[in-house]
Amino acid sequence: MTQQLIDDLLELITLWLEDLEEIRANGYQTDKLIAQLEKRAGDVESGILGLEENIKQIDADIQKVLSCKSKAKDEKYLKIS
């Protein structure tokens, strides 16, 4: 091997090592971003579950009001009759 060929190989290996280091750094950053997204997804899921519970409670309250209204209407009808 000539000195030029050795120098070219060393330069190429150095570039590859720099590329590998960049890939590793990007991989770390990607992992960090994925972890943040997973946390946000978990927060959104918790929020949605809370909203579902609120909707169920509101629905139950509406049913109570409608039931009371219906009973009051029936009692009024019975008093008139």
N, C-alpha and C. Protein backbone atom coordinates (compact mmCIF):
# COMPACT_ATOMS: atom_id res chain seq x y z
N MET A 1 0.84 -1.18 0.00
CA MET A 1 0.00 0.00 0.00
C MET A 1 0.89 1.24 0.00
N THR A 2 0.43 2.20 -0.76
CA THR A 2 1.18 3.45 -0.79
C THR A 2 0.73 4.34 0.35
N GLN A 3 1.51 5.31 0.65
CA GLN A 3 1.18 6.24 1.73
C GLN A 3 -0.11 7.00 1.41
N GLN A 4 -0.30 7.36 0.14
CA GLN A 4 -1.52 8.06 -0.26
C GLN A 4 -2.76 7.19 -0.03
N LEU A 5 -2.66 5.92 -0.36
CA LEU A 5 -3.77 5.01 -0.15
C LEU A 5 -4.08 4.86 1.34
N ILE A 6 -3.05 4.76 2.16
CA ILE A 6 -3.22 4.67 3.61
C ILE A 6 -3.88 5.94 4.15
N ASP A 7 -3.41 7.09 3.68
CA ASP A 7 -3.99 8.37 4.12
C ASP A 7 -5.46 8.48 3.71
N ASP A 8 -5.77 8.04 2.49
CA ASP A 8 -7.15 8.07 2.02
C ASP A 8 -8.04 7.15 2.86
N LEU A 9 -7.54 5.98 3.18
CA LEU A 9 -8.30 5.05 4.03
C LEU A 9 -8.53 5.62 5.43
N LEU A 10 -7.51 6.22 5.99
CA LEU A 10 -7.64 6.84 7.32
C LEU A 10 -8.66 7.97 7.28
N GLU A 11 -8.62 8.76 6.23
CA GLU A 11 -9.59 9.85 6.10
C GLU A 11 -11.02 9.31 5.97
N LEU A 12 -11.16 8.25 5.18
CA LEU A 12 -12.47 7.62 5.02
C LEU A 12 -12.97 7.03 6.33
N ILE A 13 -12.09 6.37 7.06
CA ILE A 13 -12.47 5.79 8.36
C ILE A 13 -12.86 6.90 9.33
N THR A 14 -12.14 8.00 9.31
CA THR A 14 -12.46 9.13 10.18
C THR A 14 -13.84 9.69 9.84
N LEU A 15 -14.13 9.82 8.56
CA LEU A 15 -15.45 10.30 8.15
C LEU A 15 -16.55 9.34 8.59
N TRP A 16 -16.31 8.05 8.45
CA TRP A 16 -17.29 7.06 8.89
C TRP A 16 -17.54 7.16 10.40
N LEU A 17 -16.46 7.32 11.16
CA LEU A 17 -16.61 7.45 12.61
C LEU A 17 -17.40 8.70 12.97
N GLU A 18 -17.17 9.78 12.26
CA GLU A 18 -17.94 11.00 12.50
C GLU A 18 -19.41 10.78 12.16
N ASP A 19 -19.66 10.08 11.05
CA ASP A 19 -21.04 9.77 10.67
C ASP A 19 -21.71 8.89 11.73
N LEU A 20 -20.99 7.90 12.22
CA LEU A 20 -21.54 7.01 13.25
C LEU A 20 -21.86 7.79 14.52
N GLU A 21 -21.00 8.71 14.89
CA GLU A 21 -21.24 9.53 16.08
C GLU A 21 -22.48 10.40 15.88
N GLU A 22 -22.64 10.95 14.70
CA GLU A 22 -23.83 11.76 14.39
C GLU A 22 -25.09 10.90 14.44
N ILE A 23 -25.01 9.70 13.89
CA ILE A 23 -26.15 8.78 13.93
C ILE A 23 -26.50 8.43 15.37
N ARG A 24 -25.51 8.19 16.19
CA ARG A 24 -25.76 7.87 17.60
C ARG A 24 -26.41 9.06 18.31
N ALA A 25 -25.89 10.26 18.05
CA ALA A 25 -26.46 11.46 18.67
C ALA A 25 -27.91 11.65 18.21
N ASN A 26 -28.16 11.46 16.92
CA ASN A 26 -29.53 11.59 16.41
C ASN A 26 -30.44 10.52 17.00
N GLY A 27 -29.90 9.32 17.18
CA GLY A 27 -30.68 8.25 17.79
C GLY A 27 -31.06 8.59 19.22
N TYR A 28 -30.12 9.16 19.96
CA TYR A 28 -30.40 9.57 21.34
C TYR A 28 -31.49 10.64 21.34
N GLN A 29 -31.36 11.62 20.45
CA GLN A 29 -32.36 12.69 20.37
C GLN A 29 -33.72 12.13 19.97
N THR A 30 -33.72 11.19 19.05
CA THR A 30 -34.97 10.55 18.62
C THR A 30 -35.61 9.80 19.78
N ASP A 31 -34.81 9.06 20.53
CA ASP A 31 -35.33 8.34 21.71
C ASP A 31 -35.94 9.31 22.71
N LYS A 32 -35.27 10.42 22.92
CA LYS A 32 -35.76 11.43 23.86
C LYS A 32 -37.09 12.00 23.38
N LEU A 33 -37.19 12.30 22.09
CA LEU A 33 -38.44 12.84 21.55
C LEU A 33 -39.57 11.81 21.61
N ILE A 34 -39.26 10.57 21.35
CA ILE A 34 -40.27 9.50 21.43
C ILE A 34 -40.78 9.38 22.86
N ALA A 35 -39.88 9.44 23.82
CA ALA A 35 -40.29 9.36 25.23
C ALA A 35 -41.21 10.52 25.59
N GLN A 36 -40.89 11.72 25.08
CA GLN A 36 -41.75 12.88 25.34
C GLN A 36 -43.13 12.69 24.70
N LEU A 37 -43.15 12.17 23.48
CA LEU A 37 -44.43 11.93 22.80
C LEU A 37 -45.25 10.88 23.54
N GLU A 38 -44.59 9.83 24.04
CA GLU A 38 -45.31 8.81 24.79
C GLU A 38 -45.92 9.38 26.06
N LYS A 39 -45.19 10.27 26.71
CA LYS A 39 -45.71 10.90 27.92
C LYS A 39 -46.91 11.77 27.58
N ARG A 40 -46.79 12.54 26.51
CA ARG A 40 -47.92 13.38 26.10
C ARG A 40 -49.13 12.53 25.72
N ALA A 41 -48.89 11.43 25.04
CA ALA A 41 -49.99 10.53 24.67
C ALA A 41 -50.67 10.00 25.93
N GLY A 42 -49.88 9.66 26.94
CA GLY A 42 -50.44 9.20 28.20
C GLY A 42 -51.26 10.28 28.87
N ASP A 43 -50.78 11.52 28.81
CA ASP A 43 -51.52 12.64 29.40
C ASP A 43 -52.83 12.86 28.66
N VAL A 44 -52.79 12.76 27.34
CA VAL A 44 -54.01 12.93 26.54
C VAL A 44 -55.00 11.81 26.86
N GLU A 45 -54.49 10.59 26.98
CA GLU A 45 -55.36 9.47 27.32
C GLU A 45 -56.04 9.70 28.67
N SER A 46 -55.28 10.16 29.65
CA SER A 46 -55.86 10.45 30.97
C SER A 46 -56.94 11.52 30.86
N GLY A 47 -56.66 12.54 30.06
CA GLY A 47 -57.64 13.60 29.86
C GLY A 47 -58.91 13.10 29.21
N ILE A 48 -58.76 12.24 28.22
CA ILE A 48 -59.92 11.68 27.53
C ILE A 48 -60.74 10.81 28.47
N LEU A 49 -60.06 10.01 29.29
CA LEU A 49 -60.78 9.17 30.25
C LEU A 49 -61.55 10.04 31.25
N GLY A 50 -60.94 11.13 31.67
CA GLY A 50 -61.62 12.05 32.57
C GLY A 50 -62.84 12.68 31.92
N LEU A 51 -62.68 13.06 30.65
CA LEU A 51 -63.82 13.63 29.92
C LEU A 51 -64.95 12.62 29.76
N GLU A 52 -64.59 11.37 29.49
CA GLU A 52 -65.61 10.32 29.37
C GLU A 52 -66.38 10.18 30.68
N GLU A 53 -65.68 10.20 31.79
CA GLU A 53 -66.35 10.10 33.09
C GLU A 53 -67.26 11.30 33.32
N ASN A 54 -66.78 12.49 32.95
CA ASN A 54 -67.61 13.69 33.09
C ASN A 54 -68.88 13.59 32.23
N ILE A 55 -68.74 13.09 31.02
CA ILE A 55 -69.89 12.94 30.12
C ILE A 55 -70.88 11.94 30.71
N LYS A 56 -70.38 10.84 31.26
CA LYS A 56 -71.27 9.85 31.88
C LYS A 56 -72.03 10.47 33.05
N GLN A 57 -71.33 11.28 33.84
CA GLN A 57 -71.97 11.92 35.00
C GLN A 57 -73.02 12.93 34.54
N ILE A 58 -72.68 13.71 33.52
CA ILE A 58 -73.65 14.67 32.98
C ILE A 58 -74.86 13.95 32.43
N ASP A 59 -74.64 12.85 31.72
CA ASP A 59 -75.75 12.07 31.18
C ASP A 59 -76.64 11.55 32.31
N ALA A 60 -76.02 11.05 33.36
CA ALA A 60 -76.80 10.55 34.50
C ALA A 60 -77.60 11.68 35.14
N ASP A 61 -76.98 12.86 35.26
CA ASP A 61 -77.69 14.01 35.84
C ASP A 61 -78.86 14.43 34.96
N ILE A 62 -78.66 14.42 33.65
CA ILE A 62 -79.75 14.78 32.73
C ILE A 62 -80.89 13.78 32.86
N GLN A 63 -80.55 12.50 32.97
CA GLN A 63 -81.59 11.47 33.13
C GLN A 63 -82.38 11.70 34.41
N LYS A 64 -81.69 12.10 35.49
CA LYS A 64 -82.38 12.39 36.74
C LYS A 64 -83.34 13.56 36.57
N VAL A 65 -82.87 14.60 35.92
CA VAL A 65 -83.71 15.79 35.71
C VAL A 65 -84.93 15.42 34.86
N LEU A 66 -84.69 14.68 33.78
CA LEU A 66 -85.81 14.28 32.92
C LEU A 66 -86.80 13.39 33.67
N SER A 67 -86.28 12.52 34.51
CA SER A 67 -87.15 11.64 35.30
C SER A 67 -87.99 12.46 36.27
N CYS A 68 -87.35 13.42 36.94
CA CYS A 68 -88.08 14.28 37.87
C CYS A 68 -89.13 15.11 37.13
N LYS A 69 -88.77 15.61 35.97
CA LYS A 69 -89.70 16.40 35.16
C LYS A 69 -90.89 15.54 34.75
N SER A 70 -90.62 14.31 34.35
CA SER A 70 -91.69 13.40 33.93
C SER A 70 -92.61 13.08 35.11
N LYS A 71 -92.02 12.84 36.27
CA LYS A 71 -92.83 12.55 37.47
C LYS A 71 -93.69 13.75 37.84
N ALA A 72 -93.10 14.93 37.76
CA ALA A 72 -93.84 16.15 38.09
C ALA A 72 -95.00 16.34 37.11
N LYS A 73 -94.76 16.07 35.85
CA LYS A 73 -95.79 16.19 34.83
C LYS A 73 -96.91 15.18 35.10
N ASP A 74 -96.53 13.94 35.46
CA ASP A 74 -97.52 12.91 35.75
C ASP A 74 -98.34 13.28 36.98
N GLU A 75 -97.69 13.80 38.02
CA GLU A 75 -98.40 14.19 39.24
C GLU A 75 -99.37 15.33 38.95
N LYS A 76 -98.94 16.27 38.12
CA LYS A 76 -99.80 17.39 37.75
C LYS A 76 -101.01 16.87 36.97
N TYR A 77 -100.77 15.91 36.09
CA TYR A 77 -101.85 15.33 35.29
C TYR A 77 -102.84 14.59 36.20
N LEU A 78 -102.27 13.86 37.18
CA LEU A 78 -103.15 13.11 38.08
C LEU A 78 -103.99 14.05 38.94
N LYS A 79 -103.44 15.18 39.35
CA LYS A 79 -104.19 16.13 40.18
C LYS A 79 -105.31 16.77 39.38
N ILE A 80 -105.09 16.98 38.10
CA ILE A 80 -106.10 17.59 37.25
C ILE A 80 -107.25 16.60 37.02
N SER A 81 -106.92 15.34 36.91
CA SER A 81 -107.94 14.32 36.59
C SER A 81 -108.82 14.09 37.73
